[in-house]
Amino acid sequence: MKLILTCEHGGNEVPAEYWDLFQGAEDVLQSHRGWDPGALDLYATLLQHADAGWSATVTRLLVELNRTLGHPELFSEYSRVLGPADRERVLAIHYAPFRLAVADRIAGYLNAGHAVLHVSVHSFTPVLDGKPRDLEVGLLYDPAHGRERVIARDWKDRMQELAKGWRIRMNQPYKGTADGHTKALREFFGERYAGIELEVRNDWLLDPQASVLVRSVISIALQELQEASDLFPGGR
């Protein structure tokens, strides 16, 4: 099985031609709405285990890489003011190349006879709308997909063994069947593709000391999963 990593929300950069759209939105850009703080560093740590990976650093408020075409949240309130031609330009430059590159690599692996595990790396805010979230790590997947279910539970168990106090939840803080990159690929490629979204609380990833432990635990557990699971014949 081949392992692919993606980080859809790795940064909050605004391309120069769109600066005017975000005047006065500096605080929003810095918040979890503008990007997934800490996710890019986690992605970089896990990349050593992967066969391929892609990351994006343009803010999700310009275009949301984790939404399908036509979804009402594909463009934010800041970029929704763009006309049809300008939206198409955003999609052509900042959306389609990322999504197509990932899909093309998956298709190549599947056509060569490999199964594929895709881990989409994200972070989440530990407090949303004033309500604390009771987890540190979430693994999002489709419970009806047998391989995803097995991989997610195995990965959870291995992380839990290394960090017994962590609250690791399945399909929290979001559902793995909600609209997103992994869901779209799952529906297109079928059972030989397995897609799991990894969600980690962003304050842990931004803390210089905590982040070292967090990234290490998740990385070691992923490596153990690869080496031990019959889903990864020969250790990869």
Protein backbone atom coordinates (compact mmCIF):
# COMPACT_ATOMS: atom_id res chain seq x y z
CA MET A 1 0.00 0.00 0.00
CA LYS A 2 1.27 3.44 -0.95
CA LEU A 3 1.03 6.31 1.53
CA ILE A 4 0.12 9.80 0.32
CA LEU A 5 0.02 12.88 2.56
CA THR A 6 -1.69 16.20 1.96
CA CYS A 7 -1.93 19.42 3.95
CA GLU A 8 -4.70 21.52 2.45
CA HIS A 9 -4.55 24.38 4.97
CA GLY A 10 -0.83 24.78 5.60
CA GLY A 11 -0.67 28.57 5.47
CA ASN A 12 -2.60 31.84 5.37
CA GLU A 13 -0.82 33.54 2.48
CA VAL A 14 -2.77 35.96 0.29
CA PRO A 15 -1.52 36.30 -3.30
CA ALA A 16 -0.74 39.94 -4.07
CA GLU A 17 -3.51 40.32 -6.63
CA TYR A 18 -6.10 39.52 -3.93
CA TRP A 19 -4.81 41.69 -1.08
CA ASP A 20 -7.66 44.15 -1.52
CA LEU A 21 -10.18 41.42 -0.68
CA PHE A 22 -8.68 40.94 2.76
CA GLN A 23 -8.17 44.52 3.92
CA GLY A 24 -9.14 44.61 7.60
CA ALA A 25 -9.28 40.82 7.82
CA GLU A 26 -5.84 40.34 9.36
CA ASP A 27 -7.19 38.81 12.57
CA VAL A 28 -9.37 36.37 10.66
CA LEU A 29 -6.44 35.34 8.48
CA GLN A 30 -4.38 34.59 11.59
CA SER A 31 -7.18 32.54 13.15
CA HIS A 32 -8.17 28.93 12.46
CA ARG A 33 -10.52 30.25 9.80
CA GLY A 34 -7.58 31.41 7.71
CA TRP A 35 -5.47 28.27 8.02
CA ASP A 36 -4.69 25.23 10.17
CA PRO A 37 -1.99 26.48 12.58
CA GLY A 38 0.74 23.91 13.12
CA ALA A 39 -0.54 21.48 10.51
CA LEU A 40 2.28 22.13 8.04
CA ASP A 41 4.97 21.25 10.59
CA LEU A 42 3.13 18.04 11.46
CA TYR A 43 2.81 17.22 7.76
CA ALA A 44 6.56 17.81 7.31
CA THR A 45 7.32 15.41 10.17
CA LEU A 46 5.10 12.67 8.74
CA LEU A 47 6.38 13.15 5.19
CA GLN A 48 9.39 10.92 5.91
CA HIS A 49 7.02 7.94 5.93
CA ALA A 50 5.17 8.84 2.73
CA ASP A 51 5.60 7.89 -0.89
CA ALA A 52 4.31 11.29 -2.01
CA GLY A 53 2.93 14.48 -0.51
CA TRP A 54 1.43 17.86 -1.34
CA SER A 55 0.92 20.94 0.82
CA ALA A 56 -0.75 24.29 0.19
CA THR A 57 0.00 27.58 1.92
CA VAL A 58 -2.51 29.98 0.33
CA THR A 59 -5.28 30.85 2.77
CA ARG A 60 -8.40 28.72 2.68
CA LEU A 61 -10.36 31.99 2.69
CA LEU A 62 -9.42 32.53 -0.95
CA VAL A 63 -10.48 29.03 -2.00
CA GLU A 64 -11.17 26.02 0.20
CA LEU A 65 -9.13 23.03 -1.00
CA ASN A 66 -11.07 20.76 1.32
CA ARG A 67 -14.40 21.39 -0.42
CA THR A 68 -15.69 20.06 -3.71
CA LEU A 69 -16.58 22.20 -6.70
CA GLY A 70 -20.01 23.72 -6.25
CA HIS A 71 -19.97 23.52 -2.45
CA PRO A 72 -21.29 26.74 -0.86
CA GLU A 73 -18.12 27.04 1.26
CA LEU A 74 -15.72 26.68 -1.67
CA PHE A 75 -15.32 30.47 -1.59
CA SER A 76 -15.45 32.50 1.63
CA GLU A 77 -17.32 35.74 2.24
CA TYR A 78 -14.09 37.51 1.24
CA SER A 79 -13.60 35.82 -2.13
CA ARG A 80 -17.25 35.29 -3.00
CA VAL A 81 -17.40 38.87 -4.25
CA LEU A 82 -15.22 37.91 -7.22
CA GLY A 83 -16.93 37.67 -10.58
CA PRO A 84 -17.28 34.36 -12.45
CA ALA A 85 -14.14 34.85 -14.56
CA ASP A 86 -12.04 35.76 -11.53
CA ARG A 87 -13.35 32.77 -9.61
CA GLU A 88 -12.41 30.50 -12.49
CA ARG A 89 -8.93 32.00 -12.44
CA VAL A 90 -8.61 31.28 -8.72
CA LEU A 91 -9.70 27.69 -9.29
CA ALA A 92 -7.32 27.25 -12.23
CA ILE A 93 -4.29 28.51 -10.30
CA HIS A 94 -4.91 27.70 -6.64
CA TYR A 95 -7.32 24.73 -6.59
CA ALA A 96 -7.22 22.50 -9.64
CA PRO A 97 -3.43 21.87 -9.77
CA PHE A 98 -3.40 20.63 -6.16
CA ARG A 99 -6.46 18.42 -6.46
CA LEU A 100 -5.46 17.03 -9.86
CA ALA A 101 -1.88 16.25 -8.80
CA VAL A 102 -3.10 14.19 -5.87
CA ALA A 103 -5.73 12.39 -7.94
CA ASP A 104 -3.27 11.66 -10.75
CA ARG A 105 -0.75 10.12 -8.36
CA ILE A 106 -3.42 7.97 -6.74
CA ALA A 107 -4.62 6.81 -10.15
CA GLY A 108 -1.06 5.91 -11.09
CA TYR A 109 -0.57 3.84 -7.96
CA LEU A 110 -3.90 2.07 -8.38
CA ASN A 111 -3.22 1.33 -12.04
CA ALA A 112 0.13 -0.18 -11.00
CA GLY A 113 -1.68 -2.58 -8.68
CA HIS A 114 -1.15 -0.79 -5.36
CA ALA A 115 -3.74 0.14 -2.78
CA VAL A 116 -3.46 3.68 -1.42
CA LEU A 117 -3.72 5.24 2.02
CA HIS A 118 -4.18 9.00 1.94
CA VAL A 119 -3.73 10.95 5.19
CA SER A 120 -4.97 14.54 5.04
CA VAL A 121 -3.28 16.53 7.84
CA HIS A 122 -5.25 19.22 9.70
CA SER A 123 -5.45 21.05 13.01
CA PHE A 124 -8.50 22.28 14.89
CA THR A 125 -9.23 24.97 17.43
CA PRO A 126 -9.74 23.49 20.92
CA VAL A 127 -12.53 25.98 21.68
CA LEU A 128 -15.23 26.70 19.11
CA ASP A 129 -17.98 29.27 19.72
CA GLY A 130 -17.01 29.35 23.38
CA LYS A 131 -17.35 25.57 23.83
CA PRO A 132 -14.28 23.43 24.64
CA ARG A 133 -13.80 20.33 22.51
CA ASP A 134 -13.07 17.21 24.54
CA LEU A 135 -10.33 15.70 22.41
CA GLU A 136 -6.71 16.18 21.44
CA VAL A 137 -6.63 14.09 18.25
CA GLY A 138 -9.35 13.08 15.82
CA LEU A 139 -9.28 10.49 13.04
CA LEU A 140 -11.97 11.05 10.42
CA TYR A 141 -12.99 8.23 8.09
CA ASP A 142 -15.99 6.48 6.57
CA PRO A 143 -17.22 3.76 8.99
CA ALA A 144 -18.69 1.87 6.03
CA HIS A 145 -15.23 1.57 4.44
CA GLY A 146 -13.64 -1.54 5.93
CA ARG A 147 -10.00 -0.68 5.28
CA GLU A 148 -10.39 2.86 6.60
CA ARG A 149 -12.05 1.55 9.74
CA VAL A 150 -9.25 -0.96 10.42
CA ILE A 151 -6.44 1.53 9.74
CA ALA A 152 -8.00 4.28 11.87
CA ARG A 153 -8.53 1.99 14.85
CA ASP A 154 -5.05 0.51 14.57
CA TRP A 155 -3.44 3.95 14.35
CA LYS A 156 -5.51 5.16 17.30
CA ASP A 157 -4.46 2.17 19.42
CA ARG A 158 -0.79 2.74 18.63
CA MET A 159 -0.99 6.43 19.51
CA GLN A 160 -2.88 5.62 22.69
CA GLU A 161 -0.21 3.15 23.75
CA LEU A 162 2.43 5.86 23.41
CA ALA A 163 0.33 8.63 24.99
CA LYS A 164 -2.18 7.05 27.35
CA GLY A 165 -3.64 10.33 28.56
CA TRP A 166 -4.60 11.60 25.13
CA ARG A 167 -8.26 11.81 24.19
CA ILE A 168 -8.29 10.37 20.69
CA ARG A 169 -11.73 10.33 19.08
CA MET A 170 -13.06 8.73 15.94
CA ASN A 171 -14.91 11.05 13.56
CA GLN A 172 -14.54 14.05 15.84
CA PRO A 173 -14.48 17.03 15.75
CA TYR A 174 -15.98 16.42 12.30
CA LYS A 175 -17.48 13.49 10.42
CA GLY A 176 -15.26 11.65 7.96
CA THR A 177 -18.22 11.39 5.60
CA ALA A 178 -18.70 15.16 5.37
CA ASP A 179 -17.73 16.98 2.18
CA GLY A 180 -13.97 17.08 1.78
CA HIS A 181 -10.93 16.02 -0.20
CA THR A 182 -10.85 12.46 1.14
CA LYS A 183 -14.58 11.95 0.60
CA ALA A 184 -14.34 13.07 -3.02
CA LEU A 185 -11.41 10.73 -3.69
CA ARG A 186 -13.11 7.86 -1.86
CA GLU A 187 -16.20 8.21 -4.00
CA PHE A 188 -14.16 8.42 -7.20
CA PHE A 189 -11.63 5.62 -6.62
CA GLY A 190 -13.57 3.12 -4.49
CA GLU A 191 -12.37 0.49 -2.05
CA ARG A 192 -8.69 0.40 -3.02
CA TYR A 193 -8.37 3.98 -1.86
CA ALA A 194 -8.49 4.70 1.88
CA GLY A 195 -8.65 8.30 3.07
CA ILE A 196 -8.25 9.43 6.67
CA GLU A 197 -8.24 13.01 7.93
CA LEU A 198 -5.91 13.56 10.88
CA GLU A 199 -7.06 16.40 13.17
CA VAL A 200 -4.84 17.65 16.03
CA ARG A 201 -5.61 20.53 18.40
CA ASN A 202 -3.70 23.56 17.21
CA ASP A 203 -2.55 24.87 20.59
CA TRP A 204 -0.55 21.67 21.08
CA LEU A 205 1.05 22.04 17.67
CA LEU A 206 1.94 25.68 18.34
CA ASP A 207 3.51 25.04 21.75
CA PRO A 208 7.28 24.60 21.22
CA GLN A 209 7.62 21.84 23.81
CA ALA A 210 4.30 20.05 23.37
CA SER A 211 4.59 19.99 19.59
CA VAL A 212 7.79 17.96 19.70
CA LEU A 213 6.05 15.22 21.67
CA VAL A 214 2.86 15.39 19.62
CA ARG A 215 4.61 15.13 16.28
CA SER A 216 6.85 12.34 17.59
CA VAL A 217 3.98 10.22 18.93
CA ILE A 218 1.91 10.53 15.78
CA SER A 219 4.93 9.83 13.57
CA ILE A 220 6.08 6.78 15.54
CA ALA A 221 2.55 5.36 15.59
CA LEU A 222 2.26 5.83 11.83
CA GLN A 223 5.61 4.12 11.28
CA GLU A 224 4.56 1.22 13.52
CA LEU A 225 1.33 0.95 11.58
CA GLN A 226 3.25 0.69 8.33
CA GLU A 227 5.72 -1.86 9.65
CA ALA A 228 3.22 -4.11 11.40
CA SER A 229 0.08 -3.99 9.32
CA ASP A 230 -0.60 -6.47 6.54
CA LEU A 231 -2.10 -3.47 4.78
CA PHE A 232 1.50 -2.41 4.13
CA PRO A 233 3.13 -5.60 2.79
CA GLY A 234 6.86 -5.64 3.37
CA GLY A 235 6.66 -2.67 5.72
CA ARG A 236 5.64 -0.24 2.94
